[in-house]
Amino acid sequence: MEAKLISPPTYIEMCMLNLKTTSVSSHIMVVYRAPAGNFNLFLNRLDDSITCKSIYRADLNLILCSDMNIDYPLTMIEKDSLTQYFKRIT
């Protein structure tokens, strides 16, 4: 049996839910990164999504749930890049 690539690899999948109550407004973002996906592309797309002017506001709570497929003991560069990114945006 021969397998063929039907579509290019998916680097990032995300879904966002806007939750509003009378006292709080929050976005819940769920993010998935394919294990073989390009990490830099993933980080750029994540940043584009989080810092998008229609999404990001200082008074808005963002809850990020994710499976980023980073093996922390083995991938120091990716771990450090992600850690620095989160420090920068918080």
C-alpha atoms as a PDB file:
ATOM      1  CA  MET A   1       0.000   0.000   0.000  1.00  0.00           C
ATOM      2  CA  GLU A   2       1.318   3.426  -0.895  1.00  0.00           C
ATOM      3  CA  ALA A   3       0.476   6.514   1.129  1.00  0.00           C
ATOM      4  CA  LYS A   4       0.356   9.890  -0.567  1.00  0.00           C
ATOM      5  CA  LEU A   5       0.383  13.314   0.978  1.00  0.00           C
ATOM      6  CA  ILE A   6      -2.980  14.824   0.156  1.00  0.00           C
ATOM      7  CA  SER A   7      -2.479  18.124   1.924  1.00  0.00           C
ATOM      8  CA  PRO A   8       0.520  19.933   3.380  1.00  0.00           C
ATOM      9  CA  PRO A   9       1.349  19.231   7.023  1.00  0.00           C
ATOM     10  CA  THR A  10      -0.652  21.203   9.532  1.00  0.00           C
ATOM     11  CA  TYR A  11       1.576  23.338  11.724  1.00  0.00           C
ATOM     12  CA  ILE A  12      -1.062  24.806  13.987  1.00  0.00           C
ATOM     13  CA  GLU A  13      -4.724  24.283  14.735  1.00  0.00           C
ATOM     14  CA  MET A  14      -6.657  26.611  16.976  1.00  0.00           C
ATOM     15  CA  CYS A  15     -10.111  27.383  18.168  1.00  0.00           C
ATOM     16  CA  MET A  16     -11.259  30.311  20.277  1.00  0.00           C
ATOM     17  CA  LEU A  17     -14.339  30.858  22.373  1.00  0.00           C
ATOM     18  CA  ASN A  18     -15.402  34.272  23.658  1.00  0.00           C
ATOM     19  CA  LEU A  19     -17.000  33.994  27.074  1.00  0.00           C
ATOM     20  CA  LYS A  20     -18.866  37.031  28.396  1.00  0.00           C
ATOM     21  CA  THR A  21     -20.634  37.401  31.705  1.00  0.00           C
ATOM     22  CA  THR A  22     -21.908  40.523  33.384  1.00  0.00           C
ATOM     23  CA  SER A  23     -18.631  40.940  35.263  1.00  0.00           C
ATOM     24  CA  VAL A  24     -15.965  39.276  33.100  1.00  0.00           C
ATOM     25  CA  SER A  25     -14.978  38.869  29.478  1.00  0.00           C
ATOM     26  CA  SER A  26     -12.578  36.087  28.550  1.00  0.00           C
ATOM     27  CA  HIS A  27     -11.230  34.300  25.517  1.00  0.00           C
ATOM     28  CA  ILE A  28     -10.511  30.606  25.766  1.00  0.00           C
ATOM     29  CA  MET A  29      -7.997  29.606  23.103  1.00  0.00           C
ATOM     30  CA  VAL A  30      -7.192  25.970  22.358  1.00  0.00           C
ATOM     31  CA  VAL A  31      -4.023  25.400  20.334  1.00  0.00           C
ATOM     32  CA  TYR A  32      -2.435  22.290  18.835  1.00  0.00           C
ATOM     33  CA  ARG A  33       0.997  22.017  17.235  1.00  0.00           C
ATOM     34  CA  ALA A  34       1.792  18.940  15.166  1.00  0.00           C
ATOM     35  CA  PRO A  35       4.901  17.159  16.503  1.00  0.00           C
ATOM     36  CA  ALA A  36       6.700  17.438  13.161  1.00  0.00           C
ATOM     37  CA  GLY A  37       5.472  20.980  12.525  1.00  0.00           C
ATOM     38  CA  ASN A  38       7.814  23.897  12.020  1.00  0.00           C
ATOM     39  CA  PHE A  39       8.255  25.446  15.481  1.00  0.00           C
ATOM     40  CA  ASN A  40       9.078  28.973  14.264  1.00  0.00           C
ATOM     41  CA  LEU A  41       6.016  29.033  12.018  1.00  0.00           C
ATOM     42  CA  PHE A  42       3.914  27.786  14.938  1.00  0.00           C
ATOM     43  CA  LEU A  43       5.239  30.482  17.270  1.00  0.00           C
ATOM     44  CA  ASN A  44       4.657  33.203  14.656  1.00  0.00           C
ATOM     45  CA  ARG A  45       1.055  32.081  14.025  1.00  0.00           C
ATOM     46  CA  LEU A  46       0.398  31.848  17.768  1.00  0.00           C
ATOM     47  CA  ASP A  47       1.742  35.361  18.253  1.00  0.00           C
ATOM     48  CA  ASP A  48      -0.307  36.687  15.325  1.00  0.00           C
ATOM     49  CA  SER A  49      -3.437  35.161  16.863  1.00  0.00           C
ATOM     50  CA  ILE A  50      -2.834  36.322  20.422  1.00  0.00           C
ATOM     51  CA  THR A  51      -1.760  39.864  19.545  1.00  0.00           C
ATOM     52  CA  CYS A  52      -4.436  40.437  16.906  1.00  0.00           C
ATOM     53  CA  LYS A  53      -6.086  43.765  17.691  1.00  0.00           C
ATOM     54  CA  SER A  54      -9.562  42.236  17.446  1.00  0.00           C
ATOM     55  CA  ILE A  55      -8.615  39.660  20.102  1.00  0.00           C
ATOM     56  CA  TYR A  56      -6.101  41.198  22.485  1.00  0.00           C
ATOM     57  CA  ARG A  57      -7.069  43.854  24.995  1.00  0.00           C
ATOM     58  CA  ALA A  58      -5.399  44.612  28.311  1.00  0.00           C
ATOM     59  CA  ASP A  59      -8.691  44.178  30.178  1.00  0.00           C
ATOM     60  CA  LEU A  60      -9.458  40.789  28.625  1.00  0.00           C
ATOM     61  CA  ASN A  61      -8.616  37.469  30.235  1.00  0.00           C
ATOM     62  CA  LEU A  62      -6.984  34.945  27.914  1.00  0.00           C
ATOM     63  CA  ILE A  63      -7.018  31.287  28.885  1.00  0.00           C
ATOM     64  CA  LEU A  64      -4.638  29.303  26.706  1.00  0.00           C
ATOM     65  CA  CYS A  65      -5.024  25.524  26.570  1.00  0.00           C
ATOM     66  CA  SER A  66      -2.568  23.741  24.367  1.00  0.00           C
ATOM     67  CA  ASP A  67      -0.700  20.703  23.187  1.00  0.00           C
ATOM     68  CA  MET A  68       2.476  22.227  21.783  1.00  0.00           C
ATOM     69  CA  ASN A  69       4.362  18.945  21.420  1.00  0.00           C
ATOM     70  CA  ILE A  70       7.624  20.206  22.848  1.00  0.00           C
ATOM     71  CA  ASP A  71       9.789  17.630  24.585  1.00  0.00           C
ATOM     72  CA  TYR A  72      11.200  19.892  27.293  1.00  0.00           C
ATOM     73  CA  PRO A  73      14.226  17.764  28.261  1.00  0.00           C
ATOM     74  CA  LEU A  74      15.296  17.335  24.620  1.00  0.00           C
ATOM     75  CA  THR A  75      14.426  20.559  22.809  1.00  0.00           C
ATOM     76  CA  MET A  76      16.069  23.366  24.739  1.00  0.00           C
ATOM     77  CA  ILE A  77      15.912  25.906  21.901  1.00  0.00           C
ATOM     78  CA  GLU A  78      12.155  25.487  21.430  1.00  0.00           C
ATOM     79  CA  LYS A  79      11.550  25.465  25.188  1.00  0.00           C
ATOM     80  CA  ASP A  80      13.592  28.632  25.688  1.00  0.00           C
ATOM     81  CA  SER A  81      11.888  30.380  22.759  1.00  0.00           C
ATOM     82  CA  LEU A  82       8.440  29.524  24.093  1.00  0.00           C
ATOM     83  CA  THR A  83       9.352  30.564  27.647  1.00  0.00           C
ATOM     84  CA  GLN A  84      10.706  33.911  26.421  1.00  0.00           C
ATOM     85  CA  TYR A  85       7.595  34.448  24.288  1.00  0.00           C
ATOM     86  CA  PHE A  86       5.244  33.934  27.245  1.00  0.00           C
ATOM     87  CA  LYS A  87       7.352  36.189  29.462  1.00  0.00           C
ATOM     88  CA  ARG A  88       7.157  38.895  26.800  1.00  0.00           C
ATOM     89  CA  ILE A  89       3.367  38.829  26.388  1.00  0.00           C
ATOM     90  CA  THR A  90       2.440  38.595  30.078  1.00  0.00           C
END
